C-alpha atoms as a PDB file:
ATOM      1  CA  MET A   1      39.444  -6.843 -40.925  1.00  0.00           C
ATOM      2  CA  ARG A   2      36.853  -9.250 -39.491  1.00  0.00           C
ATOM      3  CA  HIS A   3      36.584 -12.786 -40.370  1.00  0.00           C
ATOM      4  CA  PRO A   4      32.982 -13.367 -42.073  1.00  0.00           C
ATOM      5  CA  ARG A   5      31.997 -16.042 -39.429  1.00  0.00           C
ATOM      6  CA  GLN A   6      33.168 -13.794 -36.504  1.00  0.00           C
ATOM      7  CA  LYS A   7      30.268 -12.363 -34.580  1.00  0.00           C
ATOM      8  CA  ASP A   8      30.028  -8.787 -33.135  1.00  0.00           C
ATOM      9  CA  ALA A   9      30.930  -8.964 -29.581  1.00  0.00           C
ATOM     10  CA  SER A  10      27.638  -7.217 -28.689  1.00  0.00           C
ATOM     11  CA  ILE A  11      25.577  -9.890 -30.636  1.00  0.00           C
ATOM     12  CA  ALA A  12      27.780 -12.610 -28.768  1.00  0.00           C
ATOM     13  CA  ASP A  13      26.961 -11.043 -25.426  1.00  0.00           C
ATOM     14  CA  THR A  14      23.394 -10.852 -26.192  1.00  0.00           C
ATOM     15  CA  LEU A  15      23.145 -14.490 -27.203  1.00  0.00           C
ATOM     16  CA  PHE A  16      24.947 -15.766 -24.093  1.00  0.00           C
ATOM     17  CA  THR A  17      23.809 -13.846 -21.297  1.00  0.00           C
ATOM     18  CA  THR A  18      21.658 -15.438 -18.982  1.00  0.00           C
ATOM     19  CA  ARG A  19      18.279 -14.248 -17.374  1.00  0.00           C
ATOM     20  CA  PRO A  20      18.878 -13.377 -13.753  1.00  0.00           C
ATOM     21  CA  ARG A  21      17.500 -16.374 -11.431  1.00  0.00           C
ATOM     22  CA  LYS A  22      14.206 -15.639  -9.980  1.00  0.00           C
ATOM     23  CA  THR A  23      14.113 -15.515  -6.182  1.00  0.00           C
ATOM     24  CA  VAL A  24      12.245 -18.474  -4.622  1.00  0.00           C
ATOM     25  CA  PRO A  25       8.758 -17.319  -3.479  1.00  0.00           C
ATOM     26  CA  HIS A  26       8.508 -18.093   0.323  1.00  0.00           C
ATOM     27  CA  ALA A  27      11.825 -19.573   0.578  1.00  0.00           C
ATOM     28  CA  PHE A  28      11.278 -20.151   4.517  1.00  0.00           C
ATOM     29  CA  VAL A  29       8.787 -23.049   3.570  1.00  0.00           C
ATOM     30  CA  LEU A  30      11.860 -24.878   1.722  1.00  0.00           C
ATOM     31  CA  ASP A  31      13.799 -24.457   4.746  1.00  0.00           C
ATOM     32  CA  ALA A  32      11.134 -25.940   6.681  1.00  0.00           C
ATOM     33  CA  LEU A  33      10.753 -29.004   4.346  1.00  0.00           C
ATOM     34  CA  GLU A  34      14.400 -29.867   4.527  1.00  0.00           C
ATOM     35  CA  SER A  35      14.019 -33.056   6.399  1.00  0.00           C
ATOM     36  CA  ALA A  36      11.606 -34.318   3.652  1.00  0.00           C
ATOM     37  CA  ALA A  37      13.096 -35.557   0.412  1.00  0.00           C
ATOM     38  CA  PHE A  38      11.650 -32.767  -1.663  1.00  0.00           C
ATOM     39  CA  GLU A  39      12.446 -31.506  -5.186  1.00  0.00           C
ATOM     40  CA  THR A  40      10.929 -28.402  -6.848  1.00  0.00           C
ATOM     41  CA  ARG A  41       9.897 -27.518 -10.569  1.00  0.00           C
ATOM     42  CA  PRO A  42       8.705 -24.506 -12.270  1.00  0.00           C
ATOM     43  CA  MET A  43       4.922 -24.069 -12.525  1.00  0.00           C
ATOM     44  CA  PHE A  44       2.898 -21.505 -14.026  1.00  0.00           C
ATOM     45  CA  GLY A  45       5.357 -18.812 -12.950  1.00  0.00           C
ATOM     46  CA  SER A  46       5.346 -20.241  -9.510  1.00  0.00           C
ATOM     47  CA  LEU A  47       7.411 -23.012  -7.859  1.00  0.00           C
ATOM     48  CA  ALA A  48       5.866 -26.521  -7.432  1.00  0.00           C
ATOM     49  CA  VAL A  49       6.972 -28.734  -4.496  1.00  0.00           C
ATOM     50  CA  TYR A  50       7.066 -32.463  -4.719  1.00  0.00           C
ATOM     51  CA  VAL A  51       7.647 -35.073  -1.839  1.00  0.00           C
ATOM     52  CA  ARG A  52       8.399 -38.511  -3.393  1.00  0.00           C
ATOM     53  CA  ASP A  53       5.916 -39.146  -5.962  1.00  0.00           C
ATOM     54  CA  LYS A  54       3.175 -36.303  -4.883  1.00  0.00           C
ATOM     55  CA  ILE A  55       2.876 -32.721  -5.612  1.00  0.00           C
ATOM     56  CA  VAL A  56       2.283 -31.279  -2.036  1.00  0.00           C
ATOM     57  CA  MET A  57       2.264 -27.516  -2.641  1.00  0.00           C
ATOM     58  CA  VAL A  58       2.962 -24.729  -4.736  1.00  0.00           C
ATOM     59  CA  LEU A  59       4.679 -21.443  -3.733  1.00  0.00           C
ATOM     60  CA  ARG A  60       3.402 -18.420  -5.566  1.00  0.00           C
ATOM     61  CA  ASP A  61       4.365 -14.670  -5.365  1.00  0.00           C
ATOM     62  CA  ARG A  62       3.427 -12.704  -8.318  1.00  0.00           C
ATOM     63  CA  THR A  63       2.795  -8.941  -8.564  1.00  0.00           C
ATOM     64  CA  ASN A  64      -0.632  -7.883  -7.649  1.00  0.00           C
ATOM     65  CA  ASP A  65      -2.128 -11.465  -7.221  1.00  0.00           C
ATOM     66  CA  PRO A  66      -4.729 -12.284  -4.820  1.00  0.00           C
ATOM     67  CA  ASP A  67      -3.701 -15.856  -4.861  1.00  0.00           C
ATOM     68  CA  ASN A  68      -0.189 -15.410  -3.673  1.00  0.00           C
ATOM     69  CA  GLY A  69       0.950 -17.629  -0.877  1.00  0.00           C
ATOM     70  CA  VAL A  70       1.169 -21.339  -0.453  1.00  0.00           C
ATOM     71  CA  TRP A  71      -1.208 -23.555  -2.644  1.00  0.00           C
ATOM     72  CA  LEU A  72      -1.897 -26.726  -0.818  1.00  0.00           C
ATOM     73  CA  ALA A  73      -2.656 -29.997  -2.990  1.00  0.00           C
ATOM     74  CA  THR A  74      -5.513 -31.639  -1.464  1.00  0.00           C
ATOM     75  CA  THR A  75      -8.996 -33.057  -2.169  1.00  0.00           C
ATOM     76  CA  GLU A  76     -12.296 -31.596  -1.368  1.00  0.00           C
ATOM     77  CA  GLU A  77     -12.979 -34.227   1.097  1.00  0.00           C
ATOM     78  CA  HIS A  78     -10.211 -32.716   3.360  1.00  0.00           C
ATOM     79  CA  HIS A  79     -11.210 -29.098   3.197  1.00  0.00           C
ATOM     80  CA  ARG A  80     -13.211 -29.168   6.421  1.00  0.00           C
ATOM     81  CA  SER A  81     -10.532 -30.652   8.494  1.00  0.00           C
ATOM     82  CA  LEU A  82      -7.869 -28.523   6.966  1.00  0.00           C
ATOM     83  CA  ARG A  83      -9.845 -25.267   7.411  1.00  0.00           C
ATOM     84  CA  ARG A  84     -10.044 -26.102  11.308  1.00  0.00           C
ATOM     85  CA  GLU A  85      -6.314 -26.046  11.146  1.00  0.00           C
ATOM     86  CA  PHE A  86      -5.864 -23.062   8.837  1.00  0.00           C
ATOM     87  CA  PRO A  87      -8.852 -20.563   9.231  1.00  0.00           C
ATOM     88  CA  SER A  88      -7.465 -18.306   6.598  1.00  0.00           C
ATOM     89  CA  MET A  89      -7.359 -21.110   3.903  1.00  0.00           C
ATOM     90  CA  ARG A  90      -9.681 -20.631   1.161  1.00  0.00           C
ATOM     91  CA  SER A  91     -10.168 -21.623  -2.710  1.00  0.00           C
ATOM     92  CA  ILE A  92      -7.914 -20.155  -5.246  1.00  0.00           C
ATOM     93  CA  SER A  93      -9.697 -17.536  -7.099  1.00  0.00           C
ATOM     94  CA  ILE A  94      -7.860 -17.741 -10.461  1.00  0.00           C
ATOM     95  CA  LEU A  95      -9.231 -21.278 -10.873  1.00  0.00           C
ATOM     96  CA  GLY A  96     -12.608 -19.890 -11.295  1.00  0.00           C
ATOM     97  CA  GLY A  97     -15.616 -20.359  -8.900  1.00  0.00           C
ATOM     98  CA  ALA A  98     -15.631 -23.982  -8.675  1.00  0.00           C
ATOM     99  CA  VAL A  99     -14.113 -25.554  -5.701  1.00  0.00           C
ATOM    100  CA  THR A 100     -11.000 -27.572  -6.680  1.00  0.00           C
ATOM    101  CA  GLY A 101      -8.550 -29.798  -4.615  1.00  0.00           C
ATOM    102  CA  TRP A 102      -6.083 -26.859  -4.574  1.00  0.00           C
ATOM    103  CA  GLN A 103      -6.503 -24.497  -1.432  1.00  0.00           C
ATOM    104  CA  VAL A 104      -4.405 -21.472  -0.751  1.00  0.00           C
ATOM    105  CA  LEU A 105      -2.864 -20.191   2.516  1.00  0.00           C
ATOM    106  CA  PRO A 106      -2.899 -16.532   1.297  1.00  0.00           C
ATOM    107  CA  ALA A 107       0.278 -14.455   1.965  1.00  0.00           C
ATOM    108  CA  GLY A 108      -1.714 -11.540   3.098  1.00  0.00           C
ATOM    109  CA  ALA A 109      -3.243 -13.416   6.115  1.00  0.00           C
ATOM    110  CA  ASN A 110      -2.048 -12.410   9.454  1.00  0.00           C
ATOM    111  CA  ASP A 111      -1.006 -15.852  10.344  1.00  0.00           C
ATOM    112  CA  PHE A 112       0.294 -16.842   6.840  1.00  0.00           C
ATOM    113  CA  GLU A 113       4.061 -17.808   8.033  1.00  0.00           C
ATOM    114  CA  ALA A 114       2.528 -19.608  10.945  1.00  0.00           C
ATOM    115  CA  ALA A 115       0.116 -21.623   8.670  1.00  0.00           C
ATOM    116  CA  ALA A 116       2.575 -22.305   6.168  1.00  0.00           C
ATOM    117  CA  LEU A 117       5.042 -23.698   8.730  1.00  0.00           C
ATOM    118  CA  ARG A 118       2.230 -25.806  10.230  1.00  0.00           C
ATOM    119  CA  ALA A 119       1.508 -27.200   6.610  1.00  0.00           C
ATOM    120  CA  CYS A 120       5.161 -28.146   6.169  1.00  0.00           C
ATOM    121  CA  GLU A 121       4.955 -30.084   9.438  1.00  0.00           C
ATOM    122  CA  LEU A 122       2.011 -31.888   8.214  1.00  0.00           C
ATOM    123  CA  VAL A 123       3.939 -32.714   4.924  1.00  0.00           C
ATOM    124  CA  VAL A 124       7.198 -33.792   6.812  1.00  0.00           C
ATOM    125  CA  ASN A 125       4.974 -36.042   8.957  1.00  0.00           C
ATOM    126  CA  GLY A 126       3.183 -37.638   5.989  1.00  0.00           C
ATOM    127  CA  ASP A 127      -0.272 -36.234   6.627  1.00  0.00           C
ATOM    128  CA  PRO A 128      -2.511 -37.927   3.863  1.00  0.00           C
ATOM    129  CA  ARG A 129      -4.563 -34.718   3.489  1.00  0.00           C
ATOM    130  CA  ILE A 130      -1.873 -32.926   1.684  1.00  0.00           C
ATOM    131  CA  GLY A 131      -0.487 -34.075  -1.589  1.00  0.00           C
ATOM    132  CA  LYS A 132      -1.746 -35.499  -4.809  1.00  0.00           C
ATOM    133  CA  VAL A 133       0.049 -37.960  -7.243  1.00  0.00           C
ATOM    134  CA  PRO A 134      -0.052 -36.070 -10.499  1.00  0.00           C
ATOM    135  CA  LYS A 135      -1.782 -37.814 -13.616  1.00  0.00           C
ATOM    136  CA  PRO A 136       1.035 -39.117 -15.804  1.00  0.00           C
ATOM    137  CA  ARG A 137       1.692 -36.788 -18.844  1.00  0.00           C
ATOM    138  CA  PRO A 138       2.148 -38.200 -22.251  1.00  0.00           C
ATOM    139  CA  SER A 139       5.759 -38.404 -23.144  1.00  0.00           C
ATOM    140  CA  ARG A 140       6.701 -36.382 -26.431  1.00  0.00           C
ATOM    141  CA  ALA A 141       7.760 -39.594 -28.247  1.00  0.00           C
ATOM    142  CA  ARG A 142       4.372 -41.082 -27.675  1.00  0.00           C
ATOM    143  CA  LYS A 143       2.885 -37.999 -28.889  1.00  0.00           C
ATOM    144  CA  THR A 144       4.998 -37.866 -31.954  1.00  0.00           C
ATOM    145  CA  ALA A 145       4.473 -41.676 -32.735  1.00  0.00           C
ATOM    146  CA  GLY A 146       0.644 -40.953 -32.256  1.00  0.00           C
ATOM    147  CA  ARG A 147       0.844 -38.107 -34.718  1.00  0.00           C
ATOM    148  CA  ARG A 148       2.792 -40.301 -37.343  1.00  0.00           C
ATOM    149  CA  ARG A 149       0.185 -43.068 -37.142  1.00  0.00           C
ATOM    150  CA  ARG A 150      -2.783 -40.741 -37.697  1.00  0.00           C
ATOM    151  CA  GLU A 151      -0.960 -39.143 -40.662  1.00  0.00           C
ATOM    152  CA  GLY A 152       0.286 -42.040 -42.371  1.00  0.00           C
END
């Protein structure tokens, strides 16, 4: 007879199984950034790459997505000079028609790997055209405290 608190093995197996890790999109980019002190974080089903206090790029490889590739964090003032180095670079279509600081080196471009590796060189060498300091996000503690003040 089974103890009342004992779970079926099938339920326990289901509860404690882990999802398989997703593969890193365009992993060769991380290899090329090895000499920079970078860290990665998941972002919108992609992988964001940070160097020191700046987000420098997002690696994206999703099924049937025209914006797959390496997204560069930059500003509009640098688009023209970066486009000279990266002729295939363009605005990201899923962000709407507006020009944003985010630009993509599309994975479908003939020069994708070479362009991505060149972007990594620029990041490693501290090129100021690539990278943005993200706006600080409010902490959960502040959000909760703010809610309490408004409610009370």
